[in-house]
Amino acid sequence: MKKQIRQMPKFKNEDEEQEFWATHDAVDYFDTSKPIELDLSQLKPSTETISLRLPQYLLARIKQIANFKDVPYQSLMKIFLAEKVREELHSGQVKHAP
């Protein structure tokens, strides 16, 4: 007997979808006997726009470094932040989120 596949609900936003999957099993909503191939190579993580006030001299230095490296200064700032966060998490002094 073939398993009954449930209808996938429509989600208003990503948070609603995350809440749904935290309490439901994907095997009830997908036919696992027919796997599909996905190309996620172009997938980008969700981002959030923030406002950040920096001293003028600091922003000028960041732009100077970015210009030297030939990258947009906002991208360079994201790289710097990601590196520092990774460093802090690996130092053992900061606990990882559950």
N, C-alpha and C. Protein backbone atom coordinates (compact mmCIF):
# COMPACT_ATOMS: atom_id res chain seq x y z
N MET A 1 0.83 -1.18 0.00
CA MET A 1 0.00 0.00 0.00
C MET A 1 0.88 1.25 0.00
N LYS A 2 0.56 2.18 -0.86
CA LYS A 2 1.34 3.41 -1.00
C LYS A 2 1.02 4.38 0.14
N LYS A 3 2.06 4.99 0.68
CA LYS A 3 1.89 5.94 1.78
C LYS A 3 1.20 7.21 1.29
N GLN A 4 0.28 7.71 2.09
CA GLN A 4 -0.43 8.96 1.78
C GLN A 4 0.49 10.15 2.07
N ILE A 5 0.74 10.96 1.05
CA ILE A 5 1.59 12.15 1.20
C ILE A 5 0.69 13.33 1.57
N ARG A 6 1.04 14.02 2.65
CA ARG A 6 0.24 15.17 3.11
C ARG A 6 0.51 16.40 2.24
N GLN A 7 -0.48 17.27 2.19
CA GLN A 7 -0.36 18.52 1.44
C GLN A 7 0.54 19.49 2.21
N MET A 8 1.49 20.09 1.52
CA MET A 8 2.41 21.05 2.13
C MET A 8 1.66 22.35 2.41
N PRO A 9 1.73 22.86 3.65
CA PRO A 9 1.07 24.13 3.95
C PRO A 9 1.80 25.31 3.32
N LYS A 10 1.09 26.42 3.17
CA LYS A 10 1.70 27.67 2.69
C LYS A 10 2.19 28.43 3.93
N PHE A 11 3.41 28.95 3.83
CA PHE A 11 4.00 29.66 4.96
C PHE A 11 4.04 31.15 4.66
N LYS A 12 3.75 31.96 5.68
CA LYS A 12 3.78 33.42 5.53
C LYS A 12 5.21 33.95 5.50
N ASN A 13 6.10 33.26 6.22
CA ASN A 13 7.49 33.71 6.29
C ASN A 13 8.38 32.55 6.73
N GLU A 14 9.68 32.81 6.75
CA GLU A 14 10.66 31.78 7.09
C GLU A 14 10.52 31.31 8.53
N ASP A 15 10.20 32.23 9.45
CA ASP A 15 10.03 31.86 10.85
C ASP A 15 8.87 30.87 11.02
N GLU A 16 7.78 31.12 10.33
CA GLU A 16 6.62 30.22 10.41
C GLU A 16 6.99 28.83 9.89
N GLU A 17 7.76 28.80 8.80
CA GLU A 17 8.17 27.52 8.24
C GLU A 17 9.10 26.77 9.20
N GLN A 18 10.02 27.49 9.84
CA GLN A 18 10.93 26.85 10.80
C GLN A 18 10.15 26.25 11.97
N GLU A 19 9.14 26.98 12.46
CA GLU A 19 8.32 26.47 13.56
C GLU A 19 7.58 25.20 13.13
N PHE A 20 7.08 25.19 11.90
CA PHE A 20 6.36 24.03 11.39
C PHE A 20 7.27 22.81 11.36
N TRP A 21 8.47 22.95 10.77
CA TRP A 21 9.35 21.79 10.62
C TRP A 21 9.95 21.34 11.94
N ALA A 22 9.92 22.18 12.94
CA ALA A 22 10.41 21.79 14.26
C ALA A 22 9.47 20.77 14.91
N THR A 23 8.22 20.71 14.46
CA THR A 23 7.23 19.82 15.07
C THR A 23 6.63 18.82 14.08
N HIS A 24 7.11 18.79 12.84
CA HIS A 24 6.58 17.87 11.83
C HIS A 24 7.72 17.10 11.17
N ASP A 25 7.39 15.95 10.64
CA ASP A 25 8.38 15.09 9.98
C ASP A 25 8.26 15.23 8.47
N ALA A 26 9.36 15.52 7.82
CA ALA A 26 9.37 15.73 6.37
C ALA A 26 8.91 14.51 5.58
N VAL A 27 9.11 13.31 6.13
CA VAL A 27 8.70 12.10 5.39
C VAL A 27 7.20 12.02 5.19
N ASP A 28 6.43 12.78 5.98
CA ASP A 28 4.98 12.82 5.79
C ASP A 28 4.56 13.72 4.64
N TYR A 29 5.48 14.56 4.15
CA TYR A 29 5.15 15.57 3.15
C TYR A 29 5.88 15.37 1.82
N PHE A 30 6.79 14.40 1.77
CA PHE A 30 7.55 14.15 0.55
C PHE A 30 7.56 12.66 0.25
N ASP A 31 7.54 12.33 -1.02
CA ASP A 31 7.63 10.94 -1.45
C ASP A 31 9.10 10.56 -1.49
N THR A 32 9.56 9.88 -0.45
CA THR A 32 10.98 9.54 -0.33
C THR A 32 11.40 8.44 -1.29
N SER A 33 10.45 7.80 -1.95
CA SER A 33 10.81 6.77 -2.92
C SER A 33 11.23 7.39 -4.24
N LYS A 34 10.98 8.69 -4.43
CA LYS A 34 11.35 9.39 -5.66
C LYS A 34 12.21 10.61 -5.31
N PRO A 35 13.48 10.39 -4.98
CA PRO A 35 14.33 11.54 -4.62
C PRO A 35 14.54 12.47 -5.82
N ILE A 36 14.71 13.73 -5.52
CA ILE A 36 14.98 14.72 -6.55
C ILE A 36 16.36 15.32 -6.30
N GLU A 37 16.99 15.78 -7.37
CA GLU A 37 18.29 16.42 -7.25
C GLU A 37 18.10 17.93 -7.20
N LEU A 38 18.80 18.57 -6.28
CA LEU A 38 18.74 20.02 -6.14
C LEU A 38 20.11 20.61 -6.35
N ASP A 39 20.15 21.74 -7.00
CA ASP A 39 21.39 22.48 -7.15
C ASP A 39 21.31 23.70 -6.23
N LEU A 40 21.99 23.62 -5.11
CA LEU A 40 21.96 24.69 -4.12
C LEU A 40 23.22 25.55 -4.17
N SER A 41 23.97 25.44 -5.24
CA SER A 41 25.23 26.15 -5.33
C SER A 41 25.05 27.67 -5.34
N GLN A 42 23.90 28.15 -5.77
CA GLN A 42 23.66 29.59 -5.83
C GLN A 42 22.86 30.11 -4.63
N LEU A 43 22.56 29.23 -3.67
CA LEU A 43 21.76 29.61 -2.51
C LEU A 43 22.56 30.54 -1.61
N LYS A 44 21.94 31.62 -1.22
CA LYS A 44 22.59 32.58 -0.33
C LYS A 44 21.83 32.60 0.99
N PRO A 45 22.55 32.76 2.11
CA PRO A 45 21.85 32.80 3.39
C PRO A 45 20.98 34.05 3.51
N SER A 46 19.93 33.93 4.31
CA SER A 46 19.07 35.09 4.57
C SER A 46 19.91 36.18 5.23
N THR A 47 19.61 37.40 4.88
CA THR A 47 20.33 38.53 5.47
C THR A 47 19.35 39.49 6.11
N GLU A 48 19.85 40.33 6.96
CA GLU A 48 19.04 41.34 7.62
C GLU A 48 19.80 42.66 7.55
N THR A 49 19.11 43.71 7.18
CA THR A 49 19.72 45.02 7.10
C THR A 49 19.77 45.64 8.50
N ILE A 50 20.93 46.20 8.82
CA ILE A 50 21.09 46.88 10.11
C ILE A 50 21.67 48.27 9.87
N SER A 51 21.54 49.10 10.87
CA SER A 51 22.18 50.41 10.84
C SER A 51 23.30 50.38 11.87
N LEU A 52 24.47 50.79 11.46
CA LEU A 52 25.63 50.72 12.34
C LEU A 52 26.38 52.04 12.28
N ARG A 53 26.56 52.67 13.42
CA ARG A 53 27.29 53.92 13.46
C ARG A 53 28.76 53.63 13.79
N LEU A 54 29.64 54.14 12.94
CA LEU A 54 31.07 53.96 13.13
C LEU A 54 31.75 55.32 13.15
N PRO A 55 32.84 55.43 13.89
CA PRO A 55 33.61 56.67 13.81
C PRO A 55 34.10 56.86 12.37
N GLN A 56 34.14 58.11 11.92
CA GLN A 56 34.53 58.39 10.54
C GLN A 56 35.91 57.83 10.21
N TYR A 57 36.85 57.94 11.15
CA TYR A 57 38.20 57.46 10.87
C TYR A 57 38.20 55.95 10.64
N LEU A 58 37.37 55.21 11.42
CA LEU A 58 37.33 53.75 11.28
C LEU A 58 36.74 53.36 9.92
N LEU A 59 35.66 54.00 9.54
CA LEU A 59 35.06 53.71 8.24
C LEU A 59 36.04 54.05 7.11
N ALA A 60 36.75 55.15 7.25
CA ALA A 60 37.74 55.54 6.24
C ALA A 60 38.83 54.49 6.11
N ARG A 61 39.29 53.95 7.24
CA ARG A 61 40.33 52.92 7.22
C ARG A 61 39.80 51.63 6.57
N ILE A 62 38.57 51.27 6.90
CA ILE A 62 37.96 50.07 6.31
C ILE A 62 37.85 50.23 4.80
N LYS A 63 37.41 51.40 4.37
CA LYS A 63 37.30 51.66 2.93
C LYS A 63 38.67 51.61 2.26
N GLN A 64 39.69 52.11 2.96
CA GLN A 64 41.05 52.10 2.42
C GLN A 64 41.54 50.65 2.23
N ILE A 65 41.31 49.82 3.23
CA ILE A 65 41.71 48.41 3.14
C ILE A 65 40.92 47.71 2.03
N ALA A 66 39.62 47.98 1.97
CA ALA A 66 38.77 47.36 0.94
C ALA A 66 39.23 47.76 -0.45
N ASN A 67 39.58 49.02 -0.61
CA ASN A 67 40.07 49.49 -1.90
C ASN A 67 41.36 48.77 -2.29
N PHE A 68 42.25 48.62 -1.32
CA PHE A 68 43.51 47.92 -1.58
C PHE A 68 43.26 46.46 -1.98
N LYS A 69 42.27 45.82 -1.33
CA LYS A 69 41.94 44.42 -1.61
C LYS A 69 40.98 44.28 -2.80
N ASP A 70 40.50 45.41 -3.31
CA ASP A 70 39.59 45.44 -4.45
C ASP A 70 38.29 44.68 -4.17
N VAL A 71 37.71 44.96 -2.99
CA VAL A 71 36.41 44.39 -2.62
C VAL A 71 35.54 45.52 -2.08
N PRO A 72 34.21 45.39 -2.16
CA PRO A 72 33.34 46.40 -1.57
C PRO A 72 33.56 46.46 -0.05
N TYR A 73 33.51 47.64 0.51
CA TYR A 73 33.83 47.77 1.94
C TYR A 73 32.82 47.05 2.82
N GLN A 74 31.53 46.97 2.39
CA GLN A 74 30.54 46.25 3.19
C GLN A 74 30.87 44.76 3.23
N SER A 75 31.35 44.23 2.11
CA SER A 75 31.74 42.82 2.06
C SER A 75 32.94 42.57 2.97
N LEU A 76 33.88 43.48 2.95
CA LEU A 76 35.04 43.35 3.81
C LEU A 76 34.63 43.37 5.29
N MET A 77 33.70 44.23 5.63
CA MET A 77 33.22 44.29 7.01
C MET A 77 32.57 42.96 7.41
N LYS A 78 31.79 42.35 6.51
CA LYS A 78 31.16 41.06 6.81
C LYS A 78 32.23 39.98 7.01
N ILE A 79 33.28 40.02 6.20
CA ILE A 79 34.37 39.06 6.34
C ILE A 79 35.05 39.23 7.69
N PHE A 80 35.37 40.47 8.04
CA PHE A 80 36.02 40.75 9.33
C PHE A 80 35.15 40.27 10.49
N LEU A 81 33.86 40.56 10.43
CA LEU A 81 32.95 40.16 11.50
C LEU A 81 32.86 38.64 11.60
N ALA A 82 32.73 37.96 10.46
CA ALA A 82 32.63 36.50 10.46
C ALA A 82 33.89 35.87 11.04
N GLU A 83 35.05 36.41 10.68
CA GLU A 83 36.32 35.88 11.20
C GLU A 83 36.39 36.05 12.71
N LYS A 84 35.99 37.21 13.20
CA LYS A 84 36.06 37.47 14.64
C LYS A 84 35.07 36.60 15.40
N VAL A 85 33.88 36.42 14.87
CA VAL A 85 32.88 35.57 15.51
C VAL A 85 33.40 34.13 15.58
N ARG A 86 33.94 33.62 14.47
CA ARG A 86 34.50 32.26 14.43
C ARG A 86 35.63 32.13 15.47
N GLU A 87 36.49 33.14 15.54
CA GLU A 87 37.60 33.14 16.50
C GLU A 87 37.07 33.08 17.93
N GLU A 88 36.07 33.88 18.24
CA GLU A 88 35.50 33.91 19.59
C GLU A 88 34.86 32.57 19.96
N LEU A 89 34.13 31.99 19.00
CA LEU A 89 33.46 30.72 19.27
C LEU A 89 34.47 29.59 19.46
N HIS A 90 35.57 29.63 18.72
CA HIS A 90 36.57 28.58 18.84
C HIS A 90 37.49 28.77 20.05
N SER A 91 37.46 29.93 20.66
CA SER A 91 38.32 30.18 21.83
C SER A 91 37.82 29.41 23.05
N GLY A 92 36.56 28.98 23.02
CA GLY A 92 36.01 28.25 24.15
C GLY A 92 35.46 29.14 25.23
N GLN A 93 35.62 30.44 25.09
CA GLN A 93 35.12 31.36 26.11
C GLN A 93 33.65 31.73 25.88
N VAL A 94 33.16 31.48 24.67
CA VAL A 94 31.78 31.77 24.35
C VAL A 94 31.08 30.46 24.04
N LYS A 95 29.92 30.24 24.66
CA LYS A 95 29.19 29.01 24.42
C LYS A 95 28.41 29.12 23.12
N HIS A 96 28.35 28.02 22.37
CA HIS A 96 27.56 27.96 21.15
C HIS A 96 26.08 27.95 21.49
N ALA A 97 25.28 28.55 20.62
CA ALA A 97 23.83 28.50 20.79
C ALA A 97 23.37 27.07 20.62
N PRO A 98 22.30 26.68 21.30
CA PRO A 98 21.80 25.30 21.19
C PRO A 98 21.31 24.98 19.80
